[in-house]
Protein backbone atom coordinates (compact mmCIF):
# COMPACT_ATOMS: atom_id res chain seq x y z
CA MET A 1 276.21 132.15 72.63
CA ILE A 2 272.78 132.91 71.59
CA VAL A 3 271.18 135.82 73.49
CA PRO A 4 267.34 135.58 74.00
CA VAL A 5 265.73 138.98 73.15
CA ILE A 6 261.95 138.97 74.67
CA LEU A 7 259.69 141.57 73.23
CA SER A 8 257.29 142.47 75.86
CA GLY A 9 255.45 145.50 74.59
CA GLY A 10 251.98 144.22 73.51
CA SER A 11 248.81 145.27 74.95
CA GLY A 12 246.53 142.21 74.34
CA THR A 13 243.65 144.12 73.91
CA ARG A 14 241.73 141.07 72.17
CA LEU A 15 241.83 139.17 75.44
CA TRP A 16 240.01 141.75 77.33
CA PRO A 17 238.49 141.63 80.07
CA ILE A 18 241.63 139.53 81.35
CA SER A 19 244.16 141.28 79.50
CA ARG A 20 244.45 144.83 80.18
CA LYS A 21 247.05 147.82 79.48
CA ASN A 22 248.59 147.64 83.00
CA ARG A 23 248.77 143.75 82.90
CA PRO A 24 248.49 142.48 79.42
CA LYS A 25 248.30 138.69 78.19
CA GLN A 26 251.85 138.04 78.23
CA PHE A 27 252.01 138.65 82.01
CA LEU A 28 249.14 136.18 82.54
CA ALA A 29 248.95 132.41 83.15
CA LEU A 30 246.54 131.64 80.43
CA VAL A 31 247.57 128.15 79.77
CA GLY A 32 249.51 126.27 82.43
CA ASP A 33 251.01 127.60 85.83
CA ASP A 34 253.45 130.14 84.25
CA THR A 35 252.67 133.44 82.65
CA LEU A 36 253.39 133.47 78.70
CA PHE A 37 256.24 135.68 79.43
CA GLN A 38 257.66 133.05 81.80
CA GLN A 39 257.00 130.34 79.42
CA THR A 40 258.96 132.04 76.72
CA VAL A 41 261.91 132.98 78.90
CA LYS A 42 261.97 129.12 80.13
CA ARG A 43 261.81 128.00 76.55
CA THR A 44 265.23 129.74 75.90
CA ARG A 45 266.75 127.99 78.82
CA GLN A 46 266.58 124.69 76.91
CA LEU A 47 269.06 125.92 74.39
CA ASP A 48 272.52 124.69 75.66
CA ASP A 49 274.26 127.84 74.74
CA ALA A 50 271.64 130.30 75.60
CA GLY A 51 272.87 133.60 77.55
CA THR A 52 271.14 135.80 80.06
CA PRO A 53 267.91 137.35 78.22
CA ILE A 54 267.43 140.95 77.14
CA VAL A 55 263.89 141.95 77.83
CA VAL A 56 262.31 145.04 75.86
CA CYS A 57 259.23 146.33 77.73
CA SER A 58 257.50 149.53 78.66
CA GLU A 59 258.24 151.43 81.85
CA ASP A 60 254.65 150.50 83.18
CA HIS A 61 255.62 146.81 83.09
CA ARG A 62 259.12 147.15 84.45
CA PHE A 63 258.50 145.66 87.88
CA THR A 64 256.07 143.02 86.63
CA VAL A 65 258.95 141.95 84.21
CA ALA A 66 261.59 141.94 87.00
CA GLU A 67 259.32 139.86 89.40
CA GLN A 68 258.37 137.26 86.96
CA ILE A 69 262.04 136.80 85.98
CA GLN A 70 262.99 136.74 89.54
CA GLU A 71 260.41 133.90 90.18
CA LEU A 72 262.21 131.89 87.30
CA GLY A 73 265.55 132.43 89.43
CA ILE A 74 267.50 134.28 86.72
CA ASP A 75 269.65 136.86 87.80
CA GLY A 76 271.59 139.46 85.53
CA ALA A 77 268.79 139.93 82.91
CA ALA A 78 269.02 143.28 81.12
CA ILE A 79 265.57 145.01 81.06
CA LEU A 80 265.40 147.82 78.52
CA LEU A 81 262.81 150.48 79.19
CA GLU A 82 260.94 151.96 76.24
CA PRO A 83 259.93 155.35 77.12
CA ALA A 84 257.70 155.44 73.86
CA ALA A 85 256.68 152.43 71.86
CA ARG A 86 258.11 152.73 68.24
CA ASN A 87 257.25 149.23 67.02
CA THR A 88 259.44 146.00 66.50
CA ALA A 89 262.26 147.41 64.38
CA PRO A 90 263.61 150.13 66.78
CA ALA A 91 263.11 147.75 69.78
CA ILE A 92 265.12 144.93 68.10
CA ALA A 93 267.79 147.59 67.31
CA LEU A 94 268.25 148.70 70.98
CA ALA A 95 268.44 144.83 72.10
CA ALA A 96 271.00 144.37 69.30
CA MET A 97 273.16 147.20 70.50
CA GLN A 98 272.80 146.02 74.20
CA ALA A 99 274.01 142.55 72.98
CA ALA A 100 276.93 143.60 70.57
CA SER A 101 278.31 145.92 73.42
CA HIS A 102 279.05 142.68 75.31
CA ASP A 103 279.96 140.39 72.49
CA SER A 104 280.56 141.69 68.93
CA GLU A 105 279.58 138.20 67.57
CA ALA A 106 276.51 137.77 69.72
CA ILE A 107 273.65 135.93 67.93
CA ILE A 108 270.30 137.05 69.36
CA LEU A 109 266.83 134.97 69.44
CA VAL A 110 264.15 137.50 69.04
CA LEU A 111 260.78 136.23 70.51
CA PRO A 112 257.57 137.69 71.20
CA ALA A 113 256.70 137.33 74.98
CA ASP A 114 252.97 136.42 74.13
CA HIS A 115 253.22 133.41 71.99
CA LEU A 116 252.32 129.88 72.89
CA ILE A 117 254.38 126.74 71.64
CA GLY A 118 252.99 123.38 72.35
CA ASP A 119 255.67 121.31 71.29
CA GLU A 120 258.85 123.12 72.67
CA GLY A 121 261.31 120.10 71.58
CA SER A 122 260.47 120.92 68.04
CA PHE A 123 261.18 124.73 68.46
CA VAL A 124 264.30 124.32 70.19
CA ASP A 125 265.56 121.93 67.50
CA ALA A 126 264.74 124.62 64.81
CA VAL A 127 266.64 127.10 66.75
CA ARG A 128 269.80 124.66 66.69
CA ARG A 129 269.15 124.20 62.81
CA ALA A 130 268.94 127.89 62.28
CA THR A 131 272.08 128.66 64.03
CA PRO A 132 274.44 127.81 61.26
CA LEU A 133 272.55 129.96 58.97
CA ALA A 134 272.67 132.99 61.53
CA THR A 135 276.34 132.49 62.03
CA ASP A 136 276.84 132.90 58.13
CA GLY A 137 275.27 136.32 58.01
CA TRP A 138 271.65 135.18 57.29
CA LEU A 139 268.71 137.01 59.00
CA VAL A 140 266.44 133.94 59.69
CA THR A 141 262.85 133.86 60.63
CA PHE A 142 260.85 130.78 61.80
CA GLY A 143 258.00 129.91 59.44
CA ILE A 144 255.33 127.89 61.21
CA ARG A 145 253.80 125.10 58.88
CA PRO A 146 250.28 126.06 58.56
CA GLU A 147 247.73 123.76 59.77
CA ALA A 148 244.76 125.45 58.04
CA PRO A 149 244.19 128.29 55.50
CA GLU A 150 244.18 130.95 58.49
CA THR A 151 243.27 134.38 57.64
CA GLY A 152 244.54 135.99 60.72
CA PHE A 153 248.33 135.52 60.08
CA GLY A 154 250.79 136.71 57.42
CA TYR A 155 252.50 134.38 55.35
CA ILE A 156 256.05 133.61 54.14
CA LYS A 157 256.80 132.21 50.59
CA ARG A 158 259.75 129.98 50.41
CA ALA A 159 262.32 130.26 47.53
CA GLU A 160 265.25 128.08 46.84
CA ALA A 161 266.99 125.98 49.58
CA VAL A 162 270.02 127.72 51.17
CA SER A 163 270.84 124.99 53.66
CA ALA A 164 269.60 121.55 54.41
CA ASP A 165 267.06 123.12 56.69
CA GLY A 166 266.47 126.63 55.59
CA TYR A 167 265.15 128.53 52.53
CA LYS A 168 265.66 132.04 51.05
CA VAL A 169 262.78 134.10 51.54
CA ALA A 170 261.02 134.74 48.23
CA GLN A 171 258.15 137.00 49.56
CA PHE A 172 256.35 138.05 52.92
CA VAL A 173 252.73 138.57 52.32
CA GLU A 174 249.89 140.07 54.51
CA LYS A 175 247.06 138.50 56.03
CA PRO A 176 244.90 137.21 53.02
CA ASN A 177 241.31 136.41 52.51
CA ALA A 178 240.13 132.99 52.74
CA GLU A 179 240.50 131.89 49.21
CA THR A 180 243.91 133.10 48.91
CA ALA A 181 244.84 131.41 52.19
CA GLN A 182 243.59 128.08 50.87
CA ALA A 183 245.63 128.63 47.73
CA TYR A 184 248.87 129.28 50.03
CA VAL A 185 248.25 126.01 51.95
CA THR A 186 247.43 124.05 48.97
CA SER A 187 250.76 125.17 47.14
CA GLY A 188 252.89 123.93 50.15
CA ASP A 189 255.23 126.94 49.47
CA PHE A 190 253.94 128.98 52.23
CA ASP A 191 254.30 129.19 55.93
CA TRP A 192 252.66 131.15 58.57
CA ASN A 193 254.93 134.40 59.64
CA SER A 194 255.58 133.83 63.40
CA GLY A 195 257.48 137.10 64.07
CA MET A 196 260.56 135.03 65.61
CA PHE A 197 263.87 135.71 64.40
CA LEU A 198 267.63 134.47 64.96
CA PHE A 199 270.74 136.58 63.45
CA LYS A 200 273.75 137.94 64.48
CA ALA A 201 273.08 141.44 66.41
CA SER A 202 275.83 143.10 64.32
CA ARG A 203 274.29 141.81 61.05
CA TYR A 204 270.87 143.13 61.85
CA LEU A 205 272.20 146.43 62.47
CA GLU A 206 274.24 146.38 59.37
CA GLU A 207 270.97 145.43 57.31
CA LEU A 208 268.99 148.09 59.26
CA GLN A 209 271.37 150.82 58.56
CA LYS A 210 271.37 149.71 54.90
CA HIS A 211 267.60 149.61 54.26
CA SER A 212 266.24 151.89 57.06
CA PRO A 213 269.08 154.12 58.00
CA SER A 214 266.94 156.76 59.73
CA ILE A 215 265.72 154.22 62.32
CA HIS A 216 269.09 152.84 62.65
CA ASP A 217 270.70 156.22 63.37
CA ALA A 218 268.04 157.50 65.59
CA ALA A 219 267.96 154.21 67.75
CA ARG A 220 271.85 154.53 67.97
CA LYS A 221 271.27 157.99 69.42
CA VAL A 222 268.93 156.64 71.90
CA PHE A 223 271.17 153.88 72.95
CA THR A 224 273.64 156.38 73.85
CA THR A 225 271.45 157.89 76.30
CA ALA A 226 271.13 154.50 78.23
CA GLN A 227 271.12 154.92 82.20
CA PRO A 228 271.31 152.13 84.51
CA ASP A 229 268.59 151.97 87.25
CA LEU A 230 268.26 149.26 89.64
CA ASP A 231 267.62 146.12 87.35
CA PHE A 232 266.67 148.18 84.48
CA VAL A 233 268.24 150.14 81.63
CA ARG A 234 266.30 153.67 80.84
CA PHE A 235 266.51 155.87 77.66
CA ASP A 236 265.91 159.41 76.99
CA LYS A 237 262.12 159.81 76.04
CA ASP A 238 262.62 162.64 73.61
CA ALA A 239 265.49 160.75 71.75
CA MET A 240 262.96 157.78 71.63
CA VAL A 241 260.05 159.63 70.22
CA ALA A 242 262.28 160.91 67.40
CA VAL A 243 262.72 157.22 66.20
CA PRO A 244 260.71 156.54 63.11
CA GLU A 245 258.14 153.86 64.03
CA ASP A 246 258.32 150.59 61.97
CA SER A 247 258.12 146.81 61.96
CA ILE A 248 261.15 144.76 61.45
CA ASP A 249 259.30 143.14 58.42
CA TYR A 250 258.76 146.33 56.72
CA ALA A 251 262.02 147.97 57.76
CA VAL A 252 264.56 145.06 57.16
CA MET A 253 263.15 141.53 56.31
CA GLU A 254 261.12 142.60 53.18
CA LYS A 255 264.05 144.64 51.81
CA THR A 256 267.11 142.48 52.70
CA ALA A 257 268.62 139.93 50.19
CA HIS A 258 269.75 137.87 53.26
CA ALA A 259 266.26 136.82 54.61
CA ALA A 260 266.12 132.98 55.44
CA VAL A 261 263.21 130.96 56.82
CA VAL A 262 263.46 127.64 58.73
CA PRO A 263 260.16 126.00 58.87
CA VAL A 264 259.00 124.25 61.96
CA SER A 265 255.71 122.59 63.21
CA CYS A 266 255.82 123.12 67.07
CA ARG A 267 251.89 123.87 67.69
CA TRP A 268 252.42 127.47 67.82
CA SER A 269 249.82 130.01 68.61
CA ASP A 270 250.04 133.84 69.23
CA ILE A 271 246.85 133.64 71.33
CA GLY A 272 245.51 136.48 69.43
CA SER A 273 241.89 135.85 70.61
CA TRP A 274 239.62 133.97 72.93
CA SER A 275 238.97 131.64 70.22
CA ALA A 276 242.75 130.86 69.74
CA LEU A 277 243.03 130.17 73.50
CA TRP A 278 239.95 127.84 73.31
CA GLU A 279 241.77 125.93 70.63
CA ALA A 280 245.02 125.73 72.45
CA SER A 281 243.35 124.64 75.73
CA ALA A 282 242.47 121.16 77.11
CA LYS A 283 238.86 120.29 76.67
CA ASP A 284 236.17 118.09 78.34
CA ASP A 285 234.03 115.62 76.24
CA ASP A 286 231.73 118.20 75.17
CA GLY A 287 234.61 120.29 73.65
CA ASN A 288 234.35 122.86 76.57
CA ALA A 289 237.54 124.65 77.97
CA THR A 290 236.84 125.82 81.46
CA GLN A 291 238.78 127.46 84.30
CA GLY A 292 237.55 128.34 87.76
CA ASP A 293 234.21 127.70 89.36
CA VAL A 294 232.11 126.59 86.41
CA ILE A 295 229.01 124.53 85.70
CA ALA A 296 228.38 123.95 82.03
CA HIS A 297 225.09 122.14 81.59
CA ASP A 298 224.04 121.50 77.85
CA THR A 299 226.87 123.40 76.77
CA ARG A 300 229.39 122.56 73.97
CA ASN A 301 232.46 123.80 72.21
CA SER A 302 232.76 126.91 74.57
CA LEU A 303 235.43 128.73 76.65
CA VAL A 304 234.28 129.50 80.01
CA ARG A 305 236.59 131.20 82.61
CA SER A 306 235.70 132.39 86.09
CA HIS A 307 237.82 134.61 88.27
CA ASP A 308 238.29 133.79 92.16
CA ARG A 309 234.96 132.87 94.06
CA HIS A 310 232.68 133.59 91.22
CA LEU A 311 230.47 130.94 89.91
CA ILE A 312 229.54 130.84 86.22
CA ALA A 313 226.78 128.45 85.28
CA THR A 314 225.93 128.08 81.53
CA VAL A 315 222.94 126.40 80.08
CA GLY A 316 222.13 125.27 76.52
CA LEU A 317 224.93 127.23 74.81
CA ASP A 318 226.98 126.32 71.88
CA ASP A 319 230.35 127.98 70.72
CA VAL A 320 230.41 130.91 73.02
CA VAL A 321 232.95 132.61 75.17
CA VAL A 322 232.14 133.68 78.69
CA ILE A 323 234.89 135.56 80.71
CA THR A 324 234.48 137.09 84.05
CA SER A 325 236.77 139.35 85.98
CA PRO A 326 236.14 141.17 89.27
CA ASP A 327 234.76 144.32 87.45
CA ALA A 328 233.76 143.13 83.83
CA THR A 329 232.32 140.19 82.30
CA LEU A 330 232.53 139.25 78.41
CA VAL A 331 230.06 137.05 76.69
CA ALA A 332 230.53 136.46 72.93
CA SER A 333 230.04 134.05 70.10
CA ARG A 334 233.29 132.26 69.60
CA ASP A 335 233.41 133.15 66.05
CA LYS A 336 232.98 136.81 66.66
CA VAL A 337 235.68 137.37 69.42
CA GLN A 338 238.00 139.26 66.97
CA HIS A 339 235.71 142.26 67.46
CA VAL A 340 236.52 142.55 71.29
CA LYS A 341 238.77 145.23 70.49
CA LYS A 342 235.88 147.43 69.60
CA ILE A 343 234.72 147.05 73.12
CA VAL A 344 237.95 148.33 74.29
CA ASP A 345 237.88 151.15 71.72
CA THR A 346 234.42 152.20 73.19
CA LEU A 347 235.86 152.13 76.72
CA ASN A 348 238.79 154.24 75.86
CA ARG A 349 236.60 156.66 73.73
CA THR A 350 233.95 157.07 76.62
CA GLY A 351 236.72 157.72 79.22
CA ARG A 352 236.29 154.53 81.15
CA SER A 353 239.01 152.68 82.85
CA GLU A 354 238.21 148.96 82.74
CA HIS A 355 240.60 148.55 79.67
CA LEU A 356 243.52 150.01 81.55
CA ALA A 357 243.71 148.43 84.92
CA HIS A 358 242.14 145.33 86.83
CA ARG A 359 240.51 145.97 90.24
CA GLN A 360 243.56 144.14 91.57
CA VAL A 361 246.76 146.13 91.04
CA TYR A 362 250.03 144.88 91.30
CA ARG A 363 253.08 146.84 92.62
CA PRO A 364 256.49 145.72 93.18
CA TRP A 365 256.01 145.43 97.09
CA GLY A 366 252.79 143.37 96.37
CA SER A 367 249.22 144.16 95.33
CA TYR A 368 245.99 146.02 96.29
CA ASP A 369 242.52 145.11 95.51
CA SER A 370 239.73 147.95 95.72
CA ILE A 371 236.92 145.92 97.22
CA ASP A 372 234.54 148.75 97.90
CA MET A 373 234.01 152.26 97.15
CA GLY A 374 231.74 155.25 97.29
CA GLU A 375 231.39 158.98 97.75
CA ARG A 376 234.20 159.98 100.09
CA PHE A 377 235.45 156.47 100.93
CA GLN A 378 237.25 153.59 99.36
CA VAL A 379 238.21 150.22 100.88
CA LYS A 380 241.16 148.18 99.90
CA ARG A 381 242.69 144.82 100.46
CA ILE A 382 246.54 145.38 100.44
CA VAL A 383 249.19 142.51 100.40
CA VAL A 384 252.76 143.08 101.04
CA LYS A 385 255.41 140.53 100.35
CA PRO A 386 257.73 139.61 103.12
CA GLY A 387 260.50 141.98 103.52
CA SER A 388 258.85 144.69 101.12
CA VAL A 389 258.32 148.18 101.90
CA LEU A 390 256.13 150.93 100.51
CA SER A 391 257.44 154.54 99.82
CA LEU A 392 257.49 157.31 102.46
CA GLN A 393 254.70 159.21 101.49
CA MET A 394 251.75 161.62 102.51
CA HIS A 395 248.37 162.56 100.92
CA HIS A 396 246.72 165.83 100.68
CA HIS A 397 243.02 164.86 100.39
CA ARG A 398 242.56 161.61 102.33
CA ALA A 399 242.96 159.85 105.66
CA GLU A 400 243.61 156.03 106.00
CA HIS A 401 242.77 153.55 108.59
CA TRP A 402 244.64 150.23 108.56
CA ILE A 403 243.57 147.03 110.16
CA VAL A 404 246.01 144.07 110.14
CA VAL A 405 244.52 140.71 109.07
CA SER A 406 247.62 138.54 109.07
CA GLY A 407 251.24 139.12 109.34
CA THR A 408 253.28 141.84 111.24
CA ALA A 409 253.57 145.38 110.02
CA GLU A 410 256.06 148.19 110.88
CA VAL A 411 254.32 151.46 110.65
CA THR A 412 255.78 154.92 110.48
CA CYS A 413 253.28 157.63 111.16
CA GLY A 414 254.92 160.93 111.36
CA GLU A 415 257.63 160.86 114.05
CA LYS A 416 256.24 157.48 115.34
CA VAL A 417 257.60 153.95 114.32
CA PHE A 418 255.71 151.01 115.87
CA LEU A 419 254.53 147.47 115.20
CA LEU A 420 251.10 146.12 114.34
CA THR A 421 250.04 142.47 114.50
CA GLU A 422 246.77 140.61 113.61
CA ASN A 423 243.68 142.25 114.60
CA GLN A 424 245.54 145.55 115.55
CA SER A 425 244.71 148.78 113.66
CA THR A 426 246.00 152.36 113.47
CA TYR A 427 244.74 155.66 112.01
CA ILE A 428 246.99 157.89 109.35
CA PRO A 429 245.51 161.53 109.52
CA LEU A 430 245.48 163.56 106.46
CA GLY A 431 248.80 165.22 105.39
CA VAL A 432 250.87 162.93 107.65
CA THR A 433 253.95 161.23 106.41
CA HIS A 434 253.60 157.33 106.65
CA ARG A 435 255.01 154.15 105.52
CA LEU A 436 254.33 150.56 105.48
CA ARG A 437 256.87 147.68 105.88
CA ASN A 438 256.46 143.98 106.14
CA VAL A 439 258.96 142.93 108.84
CA GLY A 440 257.76 139.29 108.88
CA LYS A 441 258.57 136.08 106.80
CA VAL A 442 254.95 135.73 105.77
CA PRO A 443 252.86 138.14 103.54
CA LEU A 444 251.38 141.06 105.38
CA GLU A 445 247.50 141.26 104.55
CA LEU A 446 245.67 144.27 105.84
CA ILE A 447 242.23 146.31 105.08
CA GLU A 448 242.82 149.87 104.24
CA VAL A 449 239.74 152.28 104.77
CA GLN A 450 240.26 155.55 102.90
CA SER A 451 238.18 158.70 103.58
CA GLY A 452 238.46 162.18 102.01
CA SER A 453 237.57 164.49 99.42
CA TYR A 454 239.66 162.80 96.72
CA LEU A 455 240.87 159.38 96.56
CA GLY A 456 242.80 159.10 93.26
CA GLU A 457 246.12 157.29 93.10
CA ASP A 458 247.95 160.25 92.15
CA ASP A 459 247.28 161.86 95.40
CA ILE A 460 250.64 160.69 96.54
CA VAL A 461 253.66 162.70 97.47
CA ARG A 462 256.83 160.36 97.79
CA PHE A 463 259.71 161.27 99.75
CA GLU A 464 261.88 158.17 99.86
CA ASP A 465 261.06 154.91 97.68
CA VAL A 466 263.41 152.02 97.40
CA TYR A 467 261.98 151.31 93.74
CA GLY A 468 263.06 154.84 92.35
CA ARG A 469 259.75 156.48 92.44
CA ALA A 470 260.22 159.23 94.69
């Protein structure tokens, strides 16, 4: 059995303002209806012998991961929560230990959650061709046949063949300059380093212990602290912080004598920039890739994406990227989008929040959108999923007014429990314990008006919570 391991810890800062820390690019539907994370999981279901996935993610994204897996109809996935990010080598070690604890012979397919593959059939075939190598003890990586002298990727140099479909790895090389990249492509001996792997869980742990014993031993200590919590597996934060931080390439793959590469052409992209998304998207006759309410006049070879109910009109533009969200807009030359991360760095350095969360914030029970705010007031549009319930809570510094737009709400306010339906409202005084539940079969939508001296999200005291946040 092949156990998919989905690494979902990336922040996707180069796709700001759509990708943000609390909802990075892997959880967004950038190409197609499914998110990149969901596409990655669904891709593994095409393997005849694929098991239930193991997902490694941060605690901040745990409910998003659980919800998006549930939307795919998959039960029993193991969601490992990293209390601190330590790079890919420790993350894969924890996943390998999880897989080996259930099957000592388990083969794990390690996939980043934020990659796009246009030809999934070729990728699935490559996994099948790589499986005999993994069974024989090789640590297999997948090399993407280069389509151009790309300077944004690392490369893998192939050595002698070790099977009909695989080669021993001669060398991993860092991102080259343009001249070197051209030489790599011309030689025909190099593939792009995709960051995707296939190997026995036990073999990875053996090679990790041999070449990076400090990471192996520290990760083993972390794994002994595993505690199930709802759909998740939690680990001790202090133990995790003590794990040395390193990538799988540096910790294992560049050191082992058992690294193999299976080349594959599958229209792969890591969607590492807005330019990469433009290249991967369908385009009109003028070379424009657009989404949302867009009018492009005399505009060519551009990426223009609008958010809900917001018109973007462009005139006389070539090779640009225009991206809007409810609280931020990016306008950039398409050949300069690799510098978007500098905008994120500036937002972080100046104490702003636009790189952290969207105006619309997702919660396990639904979402809320801060549609207006000012001194001592804030207005939110709240949507609660059918059957979901918010925590029993109170606020020290604000009162709330709730107006039901659609659906049926069960409201707890102090000692009272009552129902509210469309066009009805209620008042939650400051300091009073309260709770909101959707008792209907359709989403509950309401408008919340907050007023008080402090309106931050940290002014919440939770007494009961079905999601373990109390």
